[in-house]
Each structure stands twice: as structure tokens, then as C-alpha cells.
Amino acid sequence: VSLVLSSWAIPAGIISYRIKKRKILWALGSD
């Protein structure tokens, strides 16, 4: 895997929190 994309900060951002990969978070309003 080259990249982890988290859609919505919560809960996806928590799930990917400690992953040692390049990470992008897509905040989408409701979060």
C-alpha cells in the first residue's frame, strides 16, 4: 500500500491514527 485515505475524520481518522503510512484525511462536514 502506498497511501491510506480516511474519509471523514471520525471514525476513519481514528482507525488510521497509528498507521505508519502516508496518510490523507478527507474532512466532509458532518465530522
PDB file of all heavy atoms in Angstrom:
ATOM      1  N   VAL A   1       0.828  -1.210   0.000  1.00  0.00           N
ATOM      2  CA  VAL A   1       0.000   0.000   0.000  1.00  0.00           C
ATOM      3  C   VAL A   1       0.862   1.259   0.000  1.00  0.00           C
ATOM      4  O   VAL A   1       1.802   1.381   0.785  1.00  0.00           O
ATOM      5  CB  VAL A   1      -0.940   0.007   1.225  1.00  0.00           C
ATOM      6  CG1 VAL A   1      -1.722   1.309   1.300  1.00  0.00           C
ATOM      7  CG2 VAL A   1      -1.897  -1.179   1.159  1.00  0.00           C
ATOM      8  N   SER A   2       0.539   2.187  -0.896  1.00  0.00           N
ATOM      9  CA  SER A   2       1.287   3.439  -0.994  1.00  0.00           C
ATOM     10  C   SER A   2       0.689   4.552  -0.143  1.00  0.00           C
ATOM     11  O   SER A   2       1.394   5.447   0.311  1.00  0.00           O
ATOM     12  CB  SER A   2       1.331   3.909  -2.456  1.00  0.00           C
ATOM     13  OG  SER A   2       1.874   2.940  -3.297  1.00  0.00           O
ATOM     14  N   LEU A   3      -0.623   4.490   0.075  1.00  0.00           N
ATOM     15  CA  LEU A   3      -1.323   5.611   0.692  1.00  0.00           C
ATOM     16  C   LEU A   3      -2.582   5.137   1.396  1.00  0.00           C
ATOM     17  O   LEU A   3      -3.263   4.229   0.905  1.00  0.00           O
ATOM     18  CB  LEU A   3      -1.699   6.619  -0.406  1.00  0.00           C
ATOM     19  CG  LEU A   3      -2.504   7.862  -0.043  1.00  0.00           C
ATOM     20  CD1 LEU A   3      -1.661   8.807   0.802  1.00  0.00           C
ATOM     21  CD2 LEU A   3      -2.978   8.577  -1.298  1.00  0.00           C
ATOM     22  N   VAL A   4      -2.896   5.749   2.546  1.00  0.00           N
ATOM     23  CA  VAL A   4      -4.145   5.481   3.259  1.00  0.00           C
ATOM     24  C   VAL A   4      -4.991   6.748   3.242  1.00  0.00           C
ATOM     25  O   VAL A   4      -4.548   7.805   3.707  1.00  0.00           O
ATOM     26  CB  VAL A   4      -3.887   5.035   4.716  1.00  0.00           C
ATOM     27  CG1 VAL A   4      -5.213   4.867   5.468  1.00  0.00           C
ATOM     28  CG2 VAL A   4      -3.094   3.736   4.750  1.00  0.00           C
ATOM     29  N   LEU A   5      -6.189   6.647   2.674  1.00  0.00           N
ATOM     30  CA  LEU A   5      -7.114   7.779   2.608  1.00  0.00           C
ATOM     31  C   LEU A   5      -8.249   7.540   3.591  1.00  0.00           C
ATOM     32  O   LEU A   5      -8.972   6.545   3.498  1.00  0.00           O
ATOM     33  CB  LEU A   5      -7.676   7.924   1.189  1.00  0.00           C
ATOM     34  CG  LEU A   5      -8.794   8.961   0.994  1.00  0.00           C
ATOM     35  CD1 LEU A   5      -8.293  10.374   1.272  1.00  0.00           C
ATOM     36  CD2 LEU A   5      -9.377   8.862  -0.425  1.00  0.00           C
ATOM     37  N   SER A   6      -8.415   8.456   4.545  1.00  0.00           N
ATOM     38  CA  SER A   6      -9.501   8.364   5.529  1.00  0.00           C
ATOM     39  C   SER A   6     -10.601   9.346   5.150  1.00  0.00           C
ATOM     40  O   SER A   6     -10.379  10.556   5.114  1.00  0.00           O
ATOM     41  CB  SER A   6      -8.984   8.692   6.938  1.00  0.00           C
ATOM     42  OG  SER A   6      -7.996   7.766   7.322  1.00  0.00           O
ATOM     43  N   SER A   7     -11.784   8.801   4.834  1.00  0.00           N
ATOM     44  CA  SER A   7     -12.924   9.657   4.502  1.00  0.00           C
ATOM     45  C   SER A   7     -13.734   9.909   5.762  1.00  0.00           C
ATOM     46  O   SER A   7     -14.290   8.977   6.331  1.00  0.00           O
ATOM     47  CB  SER A   7     -13.795   8.975   3.443  1.00  0.00           C
ATOM     48  OG  SER A   7     -13.077   8.826   2.248  1.00  0.00           O
ATOM     49  N   TRP A   8     -13.781  11.156   6.170  1.00  0.00           N
ATOM     50  CA  TRP A   8     -14.320  11.649   7.434  1.00  0.00           C
ATOM     51  C   TRP A   8     -13.285  11.439   8.565  1.00  0.00           C
ATOM     52  O   TRP A   8     -12.644  10.398   8.653  1.00  0.00           O
ATOM     53  CB  TRP A   8     -15.643  10.990   7.826  1.00  0.00           C
ATOM     54  CG  TRP A   8     -16.817  11.416   7.006  1.00  0.00           C
ATOM     55  CD1 TRP A   8     -17.585  12.532   7.178  1.00  0.00           C
ATOM     56  CD2 TRP A   8     -17.384  10.725   5.878  1.00  0.00           C
ATOM     57  NE1 TRP A   8     -18.580  12.570   6.237  1.00  0.00           N
ATOM     58  CE2 TRP A   8     -18.490  11.473   5.433  1.00  0.00           C
ATOM     59  CE3 TRP A   8     -17.058   9.531   5.218  1.00  0.00           C
ATOM     60  CZ2 TRP A   8     -19.265  11.095   4.345  1.00  0.00           C
ATOM     61  CZ3 TRP A   8     -17.823   9.148   4.125  1.00  0.00           C
ATOM     62  CH2 TRP A   8     -18.914   9.922   3.702  1.00  0.00           C
ATOM     63  N   ALA A   9     -13.149  12.459   9.380  1.00  0.00           N
ATOM     64  CA  ALA A   9     -12.183  12.415  10.486  1.00  0.00           C
ATOM     65  C   ALA A   9     -12.564  11.368  11.519  1.00  0.00           C
ATOM     66  O   ALA A   9     -11.699  10.701  12.096  1.00  0.00           O
ATOM     67  CB  ALA A   9     -12.083  13.796  11.147  1.00  0.00           C
ATOM     68  N   ILE A  10     -13.862  11.248  11.759  1.00  0.00           N
ATOM     69  CA  ILE A  10     -14.363  10.269  12.734  1.00  0.00           C
ATOM     70  C   ILE A  10     -15.446   9.431  12.047  1.00  0.00           C
ATOM     71  O   ILE A  10     -16.382   9.993  11.472  1.00  0.00           O
ATOM     72  CB  ILE A  10     -14.951  10.971  13.979  1.00  0.00           C
ATOM     73  CG1 ILE A  10     -13.843  11.756  14.705  1.00  0.00           C
ATOM     74  CG2 ILE A  10     -15.586   9.974  14.920  1.00  0.00           C
ATOM     75  CD1 ILE A  10     -14.349  12.589  15.868  1.00  0.00           C
ATOM     76  N   PRO A  11     -15.271   8.103  12.054  1.00  0.00           N
ATOM     77  CA  PRO A  11     -14.278   7.307  12.775  1.00  0.00           C
ATOM     78  C   PRO A  11     -13.007   6.968  11.987  1.00  0.00           C
ATOM     79  O   PRO A  11     -12.056   6.446  12.550  1.00  0.00           O
ATOM     80  CB  PRO A  11     -15.040   6.023  13.092  1.00  0.00           C
ATOM     81  CG  PRO A  11     -15.959   5.863  11.922  1.00  0.00           C
ATOM     82  CD  PRO A  11     -16.358   7.249  11.511  1.00  0.00           C
ATOM     83  N   ALA A  12     -12.985   7.250  10.660  1.00  0.00           N
ATOM     84  CA  ALA A  12     -11.874   6.784   9.822  1.00  0.00           C
ATOM     85  C   ALA A  12     -10.518   7.298  10.295  1.00  0.00           C
ATOM     86  O   ALA A  12      -9.523   6.569  10.285  1.00  0.00           O
ATOM     87  CB  ALA A  12     -12.116   7.187   8.369  1.00  0.00           C
ATOM     88  N   GLY A  13     -10.475   8.575  10.704  1.00  0.00           N
ATOM     89  CA  GLY A  13      -9.213   9.161  11.162  1.00  0.00           C
ATOM     90  C   GLY A  13      -8.669   8.493  12.411  1.00  0.00           C
ATOM     91  O   GLY A  13      -7.446   8.458  12.622  1.00  0.00           O
ATOM     92  N   ILE A  14      -9.569   7.980  13.245  1.00  0.00           N
ATOM     93  CA  ILE A  14      -9.131   7.253  14.449  1.00  0.00           C
ATOM     94  C   ILE A  14      -8.605   5.875  14.053  1.00  0.00           C
ATOM     95  O   ILE A  14      -7.595   5.406  14.587  1.00  0.00           O
ATOM     96  CB  ILE A  14     -10.291   7.110  15.455  1.00  0.00           C
ATOM     97  CG1 ILE A  14     -10.842   8.484  15.848  1.00  0.00           C
ATOM     98  CG2 ILE A  14      -9.830   6.345  16.693  1.00  0.00           C
ATOM     99  CD1 ILE A  14     -12.052   8.432  16.767  1.00  0.00           C
ATOM    100  N   ILE A  15      -9.273   5.224  13.109  1.00  0.00           N
ATOM    101  CA  ILE A  15      -8.855   3.898  12.658  1.00  0.00           C
ATOM    102  C   ILE A  15      -7.441   3.930  12.081  1.00  0.00           C
ATOM    103  O   ILE A  15      -6.633   3.032  12.311  1.00  0.00           O
ATOM    104  CB  ILE A  15      -9.868   3.347  11.630  1.00  0.00           C
ATOM    105  CG1 ILE A  15     -11.215   3.057  12.312  1.00  0.00           C
ATOM    106  CG2 ILE A  15      -9.336   2.081  10.947  1.00  0.00           C
ATOM    107  CD1 ILE A  15     -12.337   2.691  11.359  1.00  0.00           C
ATOM    108  N   SER A  16      -7.119   4.988  11.345  1.00  0.00           N
ATOM    109  CA  SER A  16      -5.806   5.075  10.685  1.00  0.00           C
ATOM    110  C   SER A  16      -4.749   5.774  11.534  1.00  0.00           C
ATOM    111  O   SER A  16      -3.616   5.962  11.085  1.00  0.00           O
ATOM    112  CB  SER A  16      -5.953   5.819   9.353  1.00  0.00           C
ATOM    113  OG  SER A  16      -6.317   7.179   9.572  1.00  0.00           O
ATOM    114  N   TYR A  17      -5.098   6.134  12.765  1.00  0.00           N
ATOM    115  CA  TYR A  17      -4.269   7.043  13.565  1.00  0.00           C
ATOM    116  C   TYR A  17      -2.811   6.584  13.713  1.00  0.00           C
ATOM    117  O   TYR A  17      -1.884   7.353  13.514  1.00  0.00           O
ATOM    118  CB  TYR A  17      -4.902   7.228  14.959  1.00  0.00           C
ATOM    119  CG  TYR A  17      -4.231   8.302  15.787  1.00  0.00           C
ATOM    120  CD1 TYR A  17      -4.494   9.645  15.541  1.00  0.00           C
ATOM    121  CD2 TYR A  17      -3.337   7.967  16.797  1.00  0.00           C
ATOM    122  CE1 TYR A  17      -3.892  10.640  16.295  1.00  0.00           C
ATOM    123  CE2 TYR A  17      -2.718   8.959  17.546  1.00  0.00           C
ATOM    124  CZ  TYR A  17      -3.004  10.289  17.290  1.00  0.00           C
ATOM    125  OH  TYR A  17      -2.390  11.267  18.020  1.00  0.00           O
ATOM    126  N   ARG A  18      -2.567   5.342  14.060  1.00  0.00           N
ATOM    127  CA  ARG A  18      -1.213   4.879  14.347  1.00  0.00           C
ATOM    128  C   ARG A  18      -0.540   4.169  13.166  1.00  0.00           C
ATOM    129  O   ARG A  18       0.539   3.593  13.328  1.00  0.00           O
ATOM    130  CB  ARG A  18      -1.234   3.945  15.563  1.00  0.00           C
ATOM    131  CG  ARG A  18      -1.640   4.651  16.857  1.00  0.00           C
ATOM    132  CD  ARG A  18      -1.381   3.792  18.076  1.00  0.00           C
ATOM    133  NE  ARG A  18      -1.758   4.465  19.292  1.00  0.00           N
ATOM    134  CZ  ARG A  18      -1.014   5.367  19.937  1.00  0.00           C
ATOM    135  NH1 ARG A  18       0.170   5.690  19.457  1.00  0.00           N
ATOM    136  NH2 ARG A  18      -1.445   5.929  21.057  1.00  0.00           N
ATOM    137  N   ILE A  19      -1.153   4.233  12.010  1.00  0.00           N
ATOM    138  CA  ILE A  19      -0.584   3.554  10.842  1.00  0.00           C
ATOM    139  C   ILE A  19       0.621   4.329  10.319  1.00  0.00           C
ATOM    140  O   ILE A  19       0.550   5.539  10.106  1.00  0.00           O
ATOM    141  CB  ILE A  19      -1.652   3.414   9.737  1.00  0.00           C
ATOM    142  CG1 ILE A  19      -2.810   2.558  10.233  1.00  0.00           C
ATOM    143  CG2 ILE A  19      -1.044   2.807   8.479  1.00  0.00           C
ATOM    144  CD1 ILE A  19      -2.433   1.185  10.721  1.00  0.00           C
ATOM    145  N   LYS A  20       1.714   3.628  10.098  1.00  0.00           N
ATOM    146  CA  LYS A  20       2.939   4.274   9.605  1.00  0.00           C
ATOM    147  C   LYS A  20       2.990   4.192   8.082  1.00  0.00           C
ATOM    148  O   LYS A  20       3.813   3.490   7.495  1.00  0.00           O
ATOM    149  CB  LYS A  20       4.169   3.631  10.238  1.00  0.00           C
ATOM    150  CG  LYS A  20       4.226   3.809  11.752  1.00  0.00           C
ATOM    151  CD  LYS A  20       5.528   3.313  12.334  1.00  0.00           C
ATOM    152  CE  LYS A  20       5.535   3.444  13.855  1.00  0.00           C
ATOM    153  NZ  LYS A  20       5.327   4.819  14.307  1.00  0.00           N
ATOM    154  N   LYS A  21       2.065   4.877   7.457  1.00  0.00           N
ATOM    155  CA  LYS A  21       1.979   5.028   6.008  1.00  0.00           C
ATOM    156  C   LYS A  21       1.658   6.484   5.706  1.00  0.00           C
ATOM    157  O   LYS A  21       1.221   7.235   6.587  1.00  0.00           O
ATOM    158  CB  LYS A  21       0.874   4.135   5.425  1.00  0.00           C
ATOM    159  CG  LYS A  21       1.161   2.643   5.456  1.00  0.00           C
ATOM    160  CD  LYS A  21       2.132   2.256   4.342  1.00  0.00           C
ATOM    161  CE  LYS A  21       2.400   0.769   4.362  1.00  0.00           C
ATOM    162  NZ  LYS A  21       3.375   0.380   3.308  1.00  0.00           N
ATOM    163  N   ARG A  22       1.878   6.884   4.464  1.00  0.00           N
ATOM    164  CA  ARG A  22       1.440   8.217   4.071  1.00  0.00           C
ATOM    165  C   ARG A  22      -0.077   8.278   4.223  1.00  0.00           C
ATOM    166  O   ARG A  22      -0.803   7.411   3.716  1.00  0.00           O
ATOM    167  CB  ARG A  22       1.852   8.518   2.636  1.00  0.00           C
ATOM    168  CG  ARG A  22       1.473   9.918   2.179  1.00  0.00           C
ATOM    169  CD  ARG A  22       2.063  10.219   0.814  1.00  0.00           C
ATOM    170  NE  ARG A  22       1.663  11.538   0.364  1.00  0.00           N
ATOM    171  CZ  ARG A  22       2.247  12.673   0.733  1.00  0.00           C
ATOM    172  NH1 ARG A  22       3.288  12.626   1.556  1.00  0.00           N
ATOM    173  NH2 ARG A  22       1.838  13.839   0.281  1.00  0.00           N
ATOM    174  N   LYS A  23      -0.561   9.313   4.910  1.00  0.00           N
ATOM    175  CA  LYS A  23      -1.982   9.395   5.240  1.00  0.00           C
ATOM    176  C   LYS A  23      -2.591  10.718   4.791  1.00  0.00           C
ATOM    177  O   LYS A  23      -2.012  11.781   5.005  1.00  0.00           O
ATOM    178  CB  LYS A  23      -2.180   9.239   6.760  1.00  0.00           C
ATOM    179  CG  LYS A  23      -1.907   7.837   7.278  1.00  0.00           C
ATOM    180  CD  LYS A  23      -2.120   7.735   8.773  1.00  0.00           C
ATOM    181  CE  LYS A  23      -1.012   8.443   9.533  1.00  0.00           C
ATOM    182  NZ  LYS A  23      -1.081   8.169  10.978  1.00  0.00           N
ATOM    183  N   ILE A  24      -3.777  10.607   4.215  1.00  0.00           N
ATOM    184  CA  ILE A  24      -4.555  11.784   3.830  1.00  0.00           C
ATOM    185  C   ILE A  24      -5.936  11.662   4.452  1.00  0.00           C
ATOM    186  O   ILE A  24      -6.557  10.595   4.413  1.00  0.00           O
ATOM    187  CB  ILE A  24      -4.685  11.890   2.299  1.00  0.00           C
ATOM    188  CG1 ILE A  24      -3.308  12.098   1.670  1.00  0.00           C
ATOM    189  CG2 ILE A  24      -5.617  13.029   1.918  1.00  0.00           C
ATOM    190  CD1 ILE A  24      -3.336  12.146   0.162  1.00  0.00           C
ATOM    191  N   LEU A  25      -6.406  12.747   5.039  1.00  0.00           N
ATOM    192  CA  LEU A  25      -7.751  12.756   5.618  1.00  0.00           C
ATOM    193  C   LEU A  25      -8.635  13.700   4.815  1.00  0.00           C
ATOM    194  O   LEU A  25      -8.260  14.835   4.543  1.00  0.00           O
ATOM    195  CB  LEU A  25      -7.711  13.193   7.082  1.00  0.00           C
ATOM    196  CG  LEU A  25      -9.055  13.041   7.830  1.00  0.00           C
ATOM    197  CD1 LEU A  25      -8.818  12.558   9.251  1.00  0.00           C
ATOM    198  CD2 LEU A  25      -9.834  14.347   7.851  1.00  0.00           C
ATOM    199  N   TRP A  26      -9.814  13.199   4.449  1.00  0.00           N
ATOM    200  CA  TRP A  26     -10.799  13.986   3.695  1.00  0.00           C
ATOM    201  C   TRP A  26     -11.939  14.337   4.642  1.00  0.00           C
ATOM    202  O   TRP A  26     -12.808  13.520   4.922  1.00  0.00           O
ATOM    203  CB  TRP A  26     -11.303  13.162   2.520  1.00  0.00           C
ATOM    204  CG  TRP A  26     -11.954  13.946   1.421  1.00  0.00           C
ATOM    205  CD1 TRP A  26     -12.153  15.293   1.369  1.00  0.00           C
ATOM    206  CD2 TRP A  26     -12.482  13.416   0.203  1.00  0.00           C
ATOM    207  NE1 TRP A  26     -12.777  15.634   0.192  1.00  0.00           N
ATOM    208  CE2 TRP A  26     -12.989  14.510  -0.548  1.00  0.00           C
ATOM    209  CE3 TRP A  26     -12.577  12.120  -0.327  1.00  0.00           C
ATOM    210  CZ2 TRP A  26     -13.586  14.336  -1.788  1.00  0.00           C
ATOM    211  CZ3 TRP A  26     -13.180  11.951  -1.576  1.00  0.00           C
ATOM    212  CH2 TRP A  26     -13.669  13.046  -2.297  1.00  0.00           C
ATOM    213  N   ALA A  27     -11.904  15.546   5.187  1.00  0.00           N
ATOM    214  CA  ALA A  27     -12.970  16.020   6.087  1.00  0.00           C
ATOM    215  C   ALA A  27     -14.176  16.408   5.237  1.00  0.00           C
ATOM    216  O   ALA A  27     -14.041  17.156   4.268  1.00  0.00           O
ATOM    217  CB  ALA A  27     -12.481  17.209   6.903  1.00  0.00           C
ATOM    218  N   LEU A  28     -15.369  15.934   5.639  1.00  0.00           N
ATOM    219  CA  LEU A  28     -16.534  16.055   4.766  1.00  0.00           C
ATOM    220  C   LEU A  28     -17.748  16.675   5.446  1.00  0.00           C
ATOM    221  O   LEU A  28     -18.891  16.393   5.086  1.00  0.00           O
ATOM    222  CB  LEU A  28     -16.883  14.679   4.185  1.00  0.00           C
ATOM    223  CG  LEU A  28     -15.804  14.132   3.239  1.00  0.00           C
ATOM    224  CD1 LEU A  28     -15.948  12.637   3.033  1.00  0.00           C
ATOM    225  CD2 LEU A  28     -15.846  14.860   1.910  1.00  0.00           C
ATOM    226  N   GLY A  29     -17.495  17.518   6.439  1.00  0.00           N
ATOM    227  CA  GLY A  29     -18.597  18.304   7.003  1.00  0.00           C
ATOM    228  C   GLY A  29     -19.165  17.777   8.283  1.00  0.00           C
ATOM    229  O   GLY A  29     -19.015  18.392   9.343  1.00  0.00           O
ATOM    230  N   SER A  30     -19.850  16.628   8.223  1.00  0.00           N
ATOM    231  CA  SER A  30     -20.516  16.115   9.410  1.00  0.00           C
ATOM    232  C   SER A  30     -19.517  15.792  10.515  1.00  0.00           C
ATOM    233  O   SER A  30     -19.830  15.939  11.703  1.00  0.00           O
ATOM    234  CB  SER A  30     -21.332  14.857   9.059  1.00  0.00           C
ATOM    235  OG  SER A  30     -20.503  13.868   8.485  1.00  0.00           O
ATOM    236  N   ASP A  31     -18.314  15.352  10.150  1.00  0.00           N
ATOM    237  CA  ASP A  31     -17.318  15.030  11.163  1.00  0.00           C
ATOM    238  C   ASP A  31     -16.872  16.276  11.929  1.00  0.00           C
ATOM    239  O   ASP A  31     -16.941  16.328  13.161  1.00  0.00           O
ATOM    240  CB  ASP A  31     -16.104  14.322  10.546  1.00  0.00           C
ATOM    241  CG  ASP A  31     -15.593  14.999   9.276  1.00  0.00           C
ATOM    242  OD1 ASP A  31     -16.097  16.075   8.912  1.00  0.00           O
ATOM    243  OD2 ASP A  31     -14.679  14.426   8.645  1.00  0.00           O
TER     244      ASP A  31
END
